[in-house]
Protein backbone atom coordinates (compact mmCIF):
# COMPACT_ATOMS: atom_id res chain seq x y z
CA MET A 1 -188.08 -51.68 106.72
CA ALA A 2 -188.73 -51.24 110.43
CA LEU A 3 -192.02 -49.37 109.94
CA PRO A 4 -195.21 -51.29 110.76
CA ASP A 5 -197.33 -52.50 107.84
CA ASP A 6 -200.11 -49.98 108.58
CA ASP A 7 -197.72 -47.00 108.26
CA LYS A 8 -198.06 -44.83 105.14
CA TYR A 9 -194.40 -45.26 104.12
CA SER A 10 -194.03 -48.93 105.11
CA PHE A 11 -192.31 -51.44 102.85
CA LYS A 12 -195.64 -53.09 102.07
CA SER A 13 -197.34 -49.79 101.11
CA VAL A 14 -194.48 -48.64 98.91
CA LYS A 15 -194.37 -52.01 97.13
CA GLN A 16 -198.09 -51.59 96.36
CA TRP A 17 -197.42 -48.10 94.97
CA ILE A 18 -194.67 -49.51 92.75
CA LYS A 19 -196.92 -52.30 91.46
CA HIS A 20 -199.75 -49.83 90.73
CA SER A 21 -197.35 -47.49 88.93
CA LYS A 22 -195.90 -50.31 86.83
CA ASP A 23 -199.44 -51.30 85.79
CA LEU A 24 -200.11 -47.70 84.76
CA VAL A 25 -196.88 -47.62 82.74
CA LEU A 26 -198.06 -50.67 80.79
CA GLU A 27 -201.43 -49.03 80.10
CA TYR A 28 -199.84 -45.74 79.02
CA ASN A 29 -197.42 -47.56 76.71
CA LYS A 30 -200.31 -49.41 75.07
CA ILE A 31 -202.07 -46.10 74.42
CA ALA A 32 -198.86 -44.51 73.12
CA ARG A 33 -198.26 -47.37 70.64
CA SER A 34 -201.90 -47.73 69.58
CA ARG A 35 -202.78 -46.77 66.02
CA ALA A 36 -206.27 -45.77 67.20
CA SER A 37 -204.97 -42.90 69.32
CA SER A 38 -204.12 -39.54 67.83
CA SER A 39 -200.56 -38.24 67.89
CA GLN A 40 -201.45 -35.84 70.70
CA GLU A 41 -202.97 -38.61 72.84
CA ALA A 42 -199.96 -40.83 72.11
CA GLN A 43 -197.56 -38.08 73.21
CA LYS A 44 -199.53 -37.47 76.42
CA ALA A 45 -199.52 -41.19 77.20
CA SER A 46 -195.79 -41.41 76.50
CA ASN A 47 -195.11 -38.45 78.81
CA ALA A 48 -197.30 -39.99 81.54
CA ALA A 49 -195.43 -43.31 81.21
CA ASP A 50 -192.08 -41.54 81.53
CA HIS A 51 -193.32 -39.67 84.61
CA LYS A 52 -194.46 -42.91 86.25
CA LYS A 53 -191.08 -44.53 85.49
CA VAL A 54 -189.36 -41.69 87.34
CA TYR A 55 -191.73 -42.13 90.28
CA ILE A 56 -190.99 -45.88 90.34
CA ARG A 57 -187.26 -45.12 90.38
CA ASP A 58 -187.76 -42.68 93.30
CA LEU A 59 -189.74 -45.30 95.25
CA GLU A 60 -187.10 -47.96 94.65
CA TYR A 61 -184.44 -45.49 95.82
CA TYR A 62 -186.49 -44.97 98.99
CA LEU A 63 -186.60 -48.72 99.63
CA LYS A 64 -182.81 -49.00 99.16
CA THR A 65 -181.67 -45.93 101.14
CA GLY A 66 -184.56 -44.74 103.31
CA ASP A 67 -184.47 -41.25 101.74
CA PHE A 68 -187.75 -40.20 100.12
CA ILE A 69 -186.68 -37.86 97.30
CA SER A 70 -189.97 -37.40 95.45
CA TYR A 71 -192.09 -34.28 96.00
CA PHE A 72 -195.32 -36.31 96.03
CA SER A 73 -196.24 -39.62 97.63
CA GLY A 74 -199.04 -42.14 97.57
CA GLN A 75 -200.43 -44.57 95.07
CA ASP A 76 -201.49 -41.80 92.67
CA GLU A 77 -199.01 -39.16 93.92
CA LEU A 78 -201.72 -37.05 95.55
CA THR A 79 -199.93 -36.19 98.81
CA LYS A 80 -197.31 -33.43 98.80
CA VAL A 81 -194.19 -34.30 100.77
CA ILE A 82 -192.94 -31.61 103.16
CA PRO A 83 -189.13 -31.54 103.43
CA ARG A 84 -187.63 -31.55 106.93
CA CYS A 85 -184.53 -29.63 107.96
CA VAL A 86 -182.03 -31.82 109.80
CA ALA A 87 -179.17 -29.29 110.17
CA LEU A 88 -179.65 -25.53 110.36
CA ALA A 89 -177.42 -23.08 108.49
CA TYR A 90 -176.81 -19.64 109.99
CA TYR A 91 -176.15 -16.10 108.79
CA GLU A 92 -173.07 -14.28 110.12
CA ASP A 93 -175.17 -12.51 112.78
CA GLY A 94 -176.35 -15.88 114.16
CA THR A 95 -179.91 -15.96 112.80
CA PRO A 96 -180.87 -19.24 111.14
CA LYS A 97 -181.38 -19.43 107.38
CA ARG A 98 -184.83 -20.70 106.44
CA SER A 99 -186.65 -21.69 103.25
CA CYS A 100 -190.40 -21.56 102.63
CA GLY A 101 -192.20 -24.90 102.74
CA VAL A 102 -189.64 -26.68 104.95
CA PHE A 103 -190.41 -28.13 108.40
CA TYR A 104 -187.99 -26.90 111.08
CA PRO A 105 -187.81 -28.99 114.27
CA ASP A 106 -186.45 -26.10 116.38
CA ILE A 107 -189.73 -24.18 115.96
CA SER A 108 -191.88 -27.28 115.20
CA VAL A 109 -193.60 -25.66 112.24
CA VAL A 110 -193.40 -25.40 108.45
CA TRP A 111 -191.82 -22.08 107.45
CA THR A 112 -194.30 -20.05 105.34
CA LYS A 113 -194.02 -17.07 103.01
CA GLU A 114 -195.75 -14.88 105.60
CA MET A 115 -193.12 -15.78 108.20
CA ASP A 116 -190.42 -15.02 105.66
CA GLU A 117 -191.90 -11.58 104.90
CA THR A 118 -192.15 -10.66 108.57
CA MET A 119 -188.50 -11.62 109.03
CA PHE A 120 -187.40 -9.39 106.16
CA ALA A 121 -189.65 -6.58 107.39
CA TYR A 122 -187.73 -6.73 110.65
CA MET A 123 -184.46 -6.57 108.74
CA ARG A 124 -185.64 -3.53 106.71
CA ASP A 125 -186.04 -1.57 109.96
CA ASP A 126 -182.33 -2.08 110.56
CA THR A 127 -180.31 0.87 109.27
CA ASN A 128 -177.45 -1.39 108.14
CA TYR A 129 -179.69 -3.64 106.04
CA VAL A 130 -178.89 -3.57 102.30
CA PRO A 131 -181.43 -5.44 100.13
CA LYS A 132 -180.17 -7.95 97.60
CA LYS A 133 -180.19 -6.70 94.03
CA SER A 134 -181.99 -9.05 91.71
CA GLY A 135 -181.20 -9.61 88.08
CA THR A 136 -178.16 -8.73 86.03
CA ILE A 137 -176.42 -5.46 86.72
CA ALA A 138 -174.24 -3.83 84.09
CA ILE A 139 -171.62 -1.40 85.29
CA THR A 140 -170.67 1.15 82.63
CA ASP A 141 -168.61 4.30 82.53
CA LYS A 142 -171.61 6.38 81.34
CA GLN A 143 -174.87 7.17 83.05
CA PHE A 144 -177.87 6.74 80.74
CA ASN A 145 -181.12 8.59 81.35
CA SER A 146 -184.14 9.74 79.39
CA SER A 147 -182.90 13.30 78.73
CA LEU A 148 -180.89 13.96 75.59
């Protein structure tokens, strides 16, 4: 509410996005109910209308709480939203936990996959480092191998 009207996430801008999305929902619903459209076109229009309804709900939630929970923003959802870390979590050794694609204010940058790989490369040089096992592991009393 306190943002100026020329700001991207101002009350005025978000209200315009909601109005535009509601207009699109009406158009998509007309296409979905039309006898002239094929069943495939009707299903696509119905899915698009449902998607826009979710976006409208996310925008209304933003106006109520101030938390933008959608992954995309803008009138046509063309801008990807970058999440921001507000409280760091730490490993037992004191290094911060980080996720790819999140902005961290302590380093003033978005954490990337390349940064993540260099961090784990550093950890692999450590002799005490044990990599995480991925997938399901079955523990049995017999060892199976290819020899009979």
